[in-house]
């Protein structure tokens, strides 16, 4: 009875992630979502409580609202992670993933978006967090046409900006090339 799943929601409540962990977990989330989008599916309920840690890897879970990407009729999802336009398609999944990444980099709940709080100081100094913030801003545009069209496009930007570890160093550097 004391079992609690290792969710992103639980981890965020305990302590914020370091920048490199944020990047790694954001990449894992977006890669999982990109796989769904590539298969022609839409999750429609991306949120921290539906992100589980399995052997240290972030996995997208709870496929109860999963549907074909071609369907746009319903407005099902979790309030607060649904885009303002209410259209639940791949761009809605991108919007919700952006909010989840926002929570990882700021430690703030999704309803505080776009406020950066205390994270504003770290974002100015840390290129990894700055890249993630730009990704979030594009993913969470109010106009769906200004967002990534799907998670595959979002993942492509993340892969371009992937931190590179110099040989013999535990420090990461990052190229800042998110469009």
Protein backbone atom coordinates (compact mmCIF):
# COMPACT_ATOMS: atom_id res chain seq x y z
CA UNK A 1 0.00 0.00 0.00
CA UNK A 2 2.99 2.33 0.26
CA UNK A 3 4.02 1.83 -3.39
CA UNK A 4 4.15 5.05 -5.37
CA UNK A 5 5.11 4.97 -9.04
CA UNK A 6 8.21 6.93 -10.00
CA UNK A 7 6.50 9.68 -11.97
CA UNK A 8 7.90 12.93 -13.24
CA UNK A 9 5.28 14.66 -11.11
CA UNK A 10 6.74 13.03 -7.99
CA UNK A 11 10.31 13.84 -8.98
CA UNK A 12 9.46 17.49 -9.64
CA UNK A 13 7.84 17.73 -6.20
CA UNK A 14 11.02 16.45 -4.53
CA UNK A 15 13.74 18.52 -6.19
CA UNK A 16 14.52 20.30 -9.45
CA UNK A 17 16.64 18.61 -12.09
CA UNK A 18 20.11 19.73 -13.12
CA UNK A 19 20.27 21.23 -16.62
CA UNK A 20 21.73 18.12 -18.27
CA UNK A 21 19.07 15.94 -16.63
CA UNK A 22 16.37 18.30 -17.90
CA UNK A 23 17.75 17.97 -21.41
CA UNK A 24 18.00 14.18 -21.20
CA UNK A 25 14.48 13.75 -19.83
CA UNK A 26 13.03 16.28 -22.28
CA UNK A 27 14.66 14.34 -25.13
CA UNK A 28 13.24 11.06 -23.81
CA UNK A 29 9.74 12.54 -23.52
CA UNK A 30 9.81 14.07 -26.99
CA UNK A 31 11.30 10.89 -28.54
CA UNK A 32 8.47 8.79 -27.09
CA UNK A 33 5.89 11.25 -28.35
CA UNK A 34 7.60 11.36 -31.77
CA UNK A 35 7.23 7.57 -32.00
CA UNK A 36 3.49 7.91 -31.41
CA UNK A 37 3.17 10.69 -33.96
CA UNK A 38 5.15 8.70 -36.51
CA UNK A 39 2.70 5.83 -36.00
CA UNK A 40 -0.20 8.22 -36.73
CA UNK A 41 -1.36 8.46 -33.12
CA UNK A 42 -2.04 11.33 -30.71
CA UNK A 43 -1.60 10.90 -26.92
CA UNK A 44 -3.89 13.77 -25.80
CA UNK A 45 -2.88 13.58 -22.13
CA UNK A 46 0.81 14.48 -21.85
CA UNK A 47 1.49 15.67 -18.29
CA UNK A 48 4.02 14.94 -15.51
CA UNK A 49 1.85 12.31 -13.82
CA UNK A 50 1.77 10.37 -17.12
CA UNK A 51 5.56 10.32 -17.40
CA UNK A 52 7.16 7.38 -15.58
CA UNK A 53 10.77 6.60 -14.79
CA UNK A 54 11.75 3.06 -15.75
CA UNK A 55 15.38 2.18 -15.00
CA UNK A 56 16.19 5.90 -14.93
CA UNK A 57 14.64 6.55 -18.35
CA UNK A 58 11.58 8.78 -18.77
CA UNK A 59 8.72 6.97 -20.50
CA UNK A 60 5.37 8.30 -21.61
CA UNK A 61 2.50 6.32 -20.07
CA UNK A 62 -1.30 6.26 -19.76
CA UNK A 63 -2.59 5.70 -23.26
CA UNK A 64 -6.26 5.89 -22.25
CA UNK A 65 -6.93 8.90 -24.50
CA UNK A 66 -4.77 7.71 -27.40
CA UNK A 67 -6.42 8.15 -30.78
CA UNK A 68 -5.69 8.41 -34.49
CA UNK A 69 -3.94 11.64 -35.43
CA UNK A 70 -6.57 12.24 -38.13
CA UNK A 71 -9.35 12.66 -35.56
CA UNK A 72 -9.96 16.22 -34.38
CA UNK A 73 -13.52 15.95 -33.12
CA UNK A 74 -12.95 15.67 -29.39
CA UNK A 75 -11.54 18.04 -26.84
CA UNK A 76 -10.42 15.42 -24.33
CA UNK A 77 -7.36 15.92 -22.18
CA UNK A 78 -6.27 17.44 -18.92
CA UNK A 79 -7.23 21.06 -18.44
CA UNK A 80 -4.07 23.10 -17.98
CA UNK A 81 -2.15 21.03 -20.54
CA UNK A 82 -4.55 21.57 -23.43
CA UNK A 83 -3.73 24.34 -25.92
CA UNK A 84 -5.90 27.46 -26.04
CA UNK A 85 -7.28 26.49 -29.47
CA UNK A 86 -8.66 23.23 -27.97
CA UNK A 87 -7.78 21.19 -31.05
CA UNK A 88 -6.39 17.87 -29.77
CA UNK A 89 -3.95 16.81 -32.46
CA UNK A 90 -0.17 16.38 -32.73
CA UNK A 91 0.30 20.11 -32.12
CA UNK A 92 -1.68 19.75 -28.88
CA UNK A 93 0.70 16.98 -27.78
CA UNK A 94 3.62 19.29 -28.61
CA UNK A 95 2.00 22.07 -26.57
CA UNK A 96 1.57 19.77 -23.56
CA UNK A 97 5.13 18.43 -23.89
CA UNK A 98 6.35 22.03 -23.94
CA UNK A 99 4.54 22.70 -20.66
CA UNK A 100 6.03 19.56 -19.11
CA UNK A 101 9.52 20.69 -20.15
CA UNK A 102 8.71 24.16 -18.78
CA UNK A 103 7.96 22.53 -15.42
CA UNK A 104 11.28 20.66 -15.55
CA UNK A 105 13.37 23.78 -16.27
CA UNK A 106 11.58 26.20 -13.95
CA UNK A 107 10.21 24.02 -11.15
CA UNK A 108 6.92 25.91 -11.55
CA UNK A 109 3.52 24.38 -12.31
CA UNK A 110 2.20 24.59 -15.89
CA UNK A 111 -0.41 27.20 -14.99
CA UNK A 112 2.41 29.68 -14.24
CA UNK A 113 3.65 29.56 -17.88
CA UNK A 114 5.30 31.75 -19.22
CA UNK A 115 6.58 33.10 -15.88
CA UNK A 116 10.18 32.00 -15.26
CA UNK A 117 10.35 32.79 -11.56
CA UNK A 118 13.77 32.23 -10.02
CA UNK A 119 14.82 30.16 -13.06
CA UNK A 120 15.32 33.38 -15.02
CA UNK A 121 18.78 33.78 -13.45
CA UNK A 122 19.86 30.23 -14.36
CA UNK A 123 18.45 30.48 -17.89
CA UNK A 124 20.65 33.50 -18.55
CA UNK A 125 23.78 31.61 -17.48
CA UNK A 126 23.10 28.07 -18.69
CA UNK A 127 23.01 27.43 -22.46
CA UNK A 128 21.30 24.03 -21.99
CA UNK A 129 18.38 25.61 -20.15
CA UNK A 130 18.27 28.49 -22.64
CA UNK A 131 17.89 26.01 -25.51
CA UNK A 132 15.13 24.17 -23.67
CA UNK A 133 13.37 27.46 -22.94
CA UNK A 134 13.38 28.40 -26.64
CA UNK A 135 11.99 24.94 -27.45
CA UNK A 136 9.22 25.46 -24.87
CA UNK A 137 8.35 28.89 -26.24
CA UNK A 138 7.91 27.52 -29.75
CA UNK A 139 5.99 24.44 -28.55
CA UNK A 140 3.60 26.58 -26.49
CA UNK A 141 2.67 29.22 -29.04
CA UNK A 142 -1.03 30.15 -28.77
CA UNK A 143 -1.47 29.87 -32.54
CA UNK A 144 -1.13 26.19 -33.55
CA UNK A 145 0.45 27.16 -36.88
CA UNK A 146 3.37 28.70 -34.96
CA UNK A 147 4.06 25.49 -32.98
CA UNK A 148 6.01 22.46 -34.08
CA UNK A 149 3.69 20.45 -36.35
CA UNK A 150 4.52 17.26 -34.41
CA UNK A 151 6.99 15.82 -31.92
CA UNK A 152 9.26 14.58 -34.73
CA UNK A 153 9.95 18.19 -35.70
CA UNK A 154 10.49 19.09 -32.05
CA UNK A 155 12.88 16.15 -31.61
CA UNK A 156 14.88 17.25 -34.66
CA UNK A 157 15.52 20.61 -32.95
CA UNK A 158 16.55 18.85 -29.75
CA UNK A 159 18.96 16.57 -31.61
CA UNK A 160 20.63 19.57 -33.28
CA UNK A 161 21.13 21.13 -29.84
CA UNK A 162 22.23 17.93 -28.08
CA UNK A 163 24.89 18.55 -25.40
CA UNK A 164 28.31 17.26 -26.36
CA UNK A 165 30.69 16.00 -23.69
CA UNK A 166 34.34 16.75 -24.47
CA UNK A 167 36.65 13.71 -24.13
CA UNK A 168 37.92 13.43 -20.56
CA UNK A 169 35.51 15.99 -19.19
CA UNK A 170 32.35 15.64 -17.16
CA UNK A 171 31.24 19.13 -18.23
CA UNK A 172 28.80 19.48 -21.12
CA UNK A 173 28.75 22.14 -23.75
CA UNK A 174 25.90 22.74 -26.14
CA UNK A 175 25.48 24.21 -29.55
CA UNK A 176 22.68 26.73 -29.52
CA UNK A 177 20.87 26.08 -32.78
CA UNK A 178 17.17 25.64 -31.99
CA UNK A 179 15.12 27.41 -34.63
